[in-house]
Amino acid sequence: MAAAIEKEYGIQPKLIKGGGGIFDIIADGKMIFSKHEVGRFPEEAEILEALRGL
C-alpha cells in the first residue's frame, strides 16, 4: 500500500508502529481509515480514493 501511495502521490508514507492490531491511516491530521472502526484492513483502492478527497 505504501508503494501505491508513493506512486500515485509522490510522497513517502510514514509507518508508525503500534500494537494490539491497530491499523489507522491518518493524512493531514484526519483519520481516513480505522481498522478498529470497520473490523477489517483497507483495500488499496479505497485508501487512494480517500486521499484524493483531501
N, C-alpha and C. Protein backbone atom coordinates (compact mmCIF):
# COMPACT_ATOMS: atom_id res chain seq x y z
N MET A 1 0.82 -1.18 0.00
CA MET A 1 0.00 0.00 0.00
C MET A 1 0.87 1.26 0.00
N ALA A 2 1.97 1.23 0.76
CA ALA A 2 2.86 2.39 0.80
C ALA A 2 3.41 2.69 -0.60
N ALA A 3 3.74 1.65 -1.34
CA ALA A 3 4.27 1.84 -2.70
C ALA A 3 3.22 2.47 -3.62
N ALA A 4 1.97 2.07 -3.47
CA ALA A 4 0.89 2.64 -4.29
C ALA A 4 0.67 4.12 -3.96
N ILE A 5 0.75 4.47 -2.69
CA ILE A 5 0.59 5.87 -2.28
C ILE A 5 1.74 6.70 -2.83
N GLU A 6 2.95 6.16 -2.73
CA GLU A 6 4.10 6.89 -3.25
C GLU A 6 4.01 7.06 -4.76
N LYS A 7 3.60 6.03 -5.46
CA LYS A 7 3.48 6.11 -6.92
C LYS A 7 2.39 7.10 -7.33
N GLU A 8 1.26 7.06 -6.67
CA GLU A 8 0.11 7.91 -7.03
C GLU A 8 0.32 9.38 -6.67
N TYR A 9 0.93 9.63 -5.50
CA TYR A 9 1.00 10.99 -4.99
C TYR A 9 2.41 11.55 -4.85
N GLY A 10 3.43 10.70 -5.06
CA GLY A 10 4.80 11.15 -4.97
C GLY A 10 5.25 11.50 -3.56
N ILE A 11 4.61 10.90 -2.58
CA ILE A 11 5.00 11.12 -1.18
C ILE A 11 5.35 9.78 -0.55
N GLN A 12 6.23 9.82 0.43
CA GLN A 12 6.62 8.61 1.14
C GLN A 12 5.82 8.53 2.43
N PRO A 13 4.90 7.57 2.54
CA PRO A 13 4.14 7.40 3.77
C PRO A 13 5.06 7.02 4.93
N LYS A 14 4.67 7.39 6.14
CA LYS A 14 5.45 7.06 7.33
C LYS A 14 4.66 6.04 8.15
N LEU A 15 5.32 4.94 8.46
CA LEU A 15 4.73 3.90 9.28
C LEU A 15 5.07 4.18 10.74
N ILE A 16 4.03 4.23 11.55
CA ILE A 16 4.21 4.39 12.99
C ILE A 16 3.76 3.09 13.63
N LYS A 17 4.71 2.37 14.17
CA LYS A 17 4.42 1.06 14.74
C LYS A 17 3.50 1.19 15.95
N GLY A 18 2.50 0.34 15.97
CA GLY A 18 1.56 0.31 17.09
C GLY A 18 1.45 -1.10 17.62
N GLY A 19 0.42 -1.34 18.38
CA GLY A 19 0.21 -2.67 18.92
C GLY A 19 -1.27 -2.96 19.03
N GLY A 20 -1.58 -4.17 19.37
CA GLY A 20 -2.97 -4.54 19.60
C GLY A 20 -3.84 -4.59 18.36
N GLY A 21 -3.22 -4.76 17.19
CA GLY A 21 -4.00 -4.87 15.96
C GLY A 21 -4.49 -3.55 15.40
N ILE A 22 -3.97 -2.43 15.91
CA ILE A 22 -4.37 -1.12 15.42
C ILE A 22 -3.82 -0.92 14.01
N PHE A 23 -4.66 -0.43 13.12
CA PHE A 23 -4.23 -0.07 11.77
C PHE A 23 -5.06 1.14 11.37
N ASP A 24 -4.51 2.33 11.58
CA ASP A 24 -5.18 3.57 11.24
C ASP A 24 -4.39 4.26 10.15
N ILE A 25 -5.09 4.96 9.28
CA ILE A 25 -4.43 5.77 8.26
C ILE A 25 -4.90 7.20 8.49
N ILE A 26 -3.90 8.06 8.72
CA ILE A 26 -4.16 9.47 9.00
C ILE A 26 -3.42 10.30 7.98
N ALA A 27 -4.11 11.26 7.38
CA ALA A 27 -3.50 12.16 6.40
C ALA A 27 -3.95 13.58 6.71
N ASP A 28 -3.01 14.50 6.73
CA ASP A 28 -3.30 15.90 7.05
C ASP A 28 -4.07 16.03 8.36
N GLY A 29 -3.73 15.18 9.34
CA GLY A 29 -4.37 15.23 10.64
C GLY A 29 -5.77 14.66 10.71
N LYS A 30 -6.24 14.06 9.60
CA LYS A 30 -7.58 13.48 9.55
C LYS A 30 -7.50 11.97 9.42
N MET A 31 -8.28 11.26 10.23
CA MET A 31 -8.35 9.80 10.13
C MET A 31 -9.16 9.46 8.88
N ILE A 32 -8.53 8.75 7.95
CA ILE A 32 -9.27 8.35 6.75
C ILE A 32 -9.63 6.87 6.75
N PHE A 33 -9.01 6.11 7.69
CA PHE A 33 -9.37 4.71 7.84
C PHE A 33 -8.97 4.23 9.21
N SER A 34 -9.83 3.42 9.83
CA SER A 34 -9.53 2.80 11.12
C SER A 34 -10.01 1.36 11.09
N LYS A 35 -9.07 0.44 11.16
CA LYS A 35 -9.41 -0.98 11.20
C LYS A 35 -10.29 -1.28 12.41
N HIS A 36 -10.03 -0.60 13.51
CA HIS A 36 -10.81 -0.81 14.73
C HIS A 36 -12.29 -0.47 14.49
N GLU A 37 -12.55 0.60 13.73
CA GLU A 37 -13.93 1.02 13.47
C GLU A 37 -14.68 0.09 12.51
N VAL A 38 -13.99 -0.39 11.48
CA VAL A 38 -14.68 -1.18 10.45
C VAL A 38 -14.43 -2.68 10.55
N GLY A 39 -13.43 -3.09 11.36
CA GLY A 39 -13.19 -4.51 11.60
C GLY A 39 -12.46 -5.25 10.49
N ARG A 40 -11.75 -4.52 9.63
CA ARG A 40 -11.01 -5.17 8.54
C ARG A 40 -9.89 -4.24 8.08
N PHE A 41 -8.97 -4.80 7.31
CA PHE A 41 -7.94 -3.99 6.69
C PHE A 41 -8.51 -3.30 5.46
N PRO A 42 -7.96 -2.16 5.09
CA PRO A 42 -8.48 -1.43 3.92
C PRO A 42 -8.02 -2.05 2.61
N GLU A 43 -8.80 -1.81 1.59
CA GLU A 43 -8.38 -2.12 0.23
C GLU A 43 -7.54 -0.95 -0.28
N GLU A 44 -6.53 -1.25 -1.06
CA GLU A 44 -5.65 -0.21 -1.58
C GLU A 44 -6.43 0.89 -2.30
N ALA A 45 -7.38 0.49 -3.14
CA ALA A 45 -8.14 1.46 -3.93
C ALA A 45 -8.95 2.41 -3.05
N GLU A 46 -9.50 1.93 -1.95
CA GLU A 46 -10.30 2.81 -1.10
C GLU A 46 -9.43 3.85 -0.39
N ILE A 47 -8.19 3.49 -0.08
CA ILE A 47 -7.29 4.46 0.54
C ILE A 47 -6.86 5.52 -0.48
N LEU A 48 -6.52 5.09 -1.68
CA LEU A 48 -6.14 6.05 -2.71
C LEU A 48 -7.30 7.01 -3.00
N GLU A 49 -8.52 6.49 -3.02
CA GLU A 49 -9.70 7.34 -3.26
C GLU A 49 -9.90 8.31 -2.10
N ALA A 50 -9.75 7.86 -0.88
CA ALA A 50 -9.91 8.75 0.28
C ALA A 50 -8.86 9.85 0.27
N LEU A 51 -7.64 9.51 -0.15
CA LEU A 51 -6.59 10.54 -0.23
C LEU A 51 -6.89 11.57 -1.32
N ARG A 52 -7.52 11.13 -2.41
CA ARG A 52 -7.91 12.07 -3.47
C ARG A 52 -8.88 13.11 -2.94
N GLY A 53 -9.72 12.71 -1.99
CA GLY A 53 -10.75 13.60 -1.46
C GLY A 53 -10.22 14.66 -0.49
N LEU A 54 -8.94 14.60 -0.15
CA LEU A 54 -8.40 15.58 0.81
C LEU A 54 -8.02 16.87 0.14
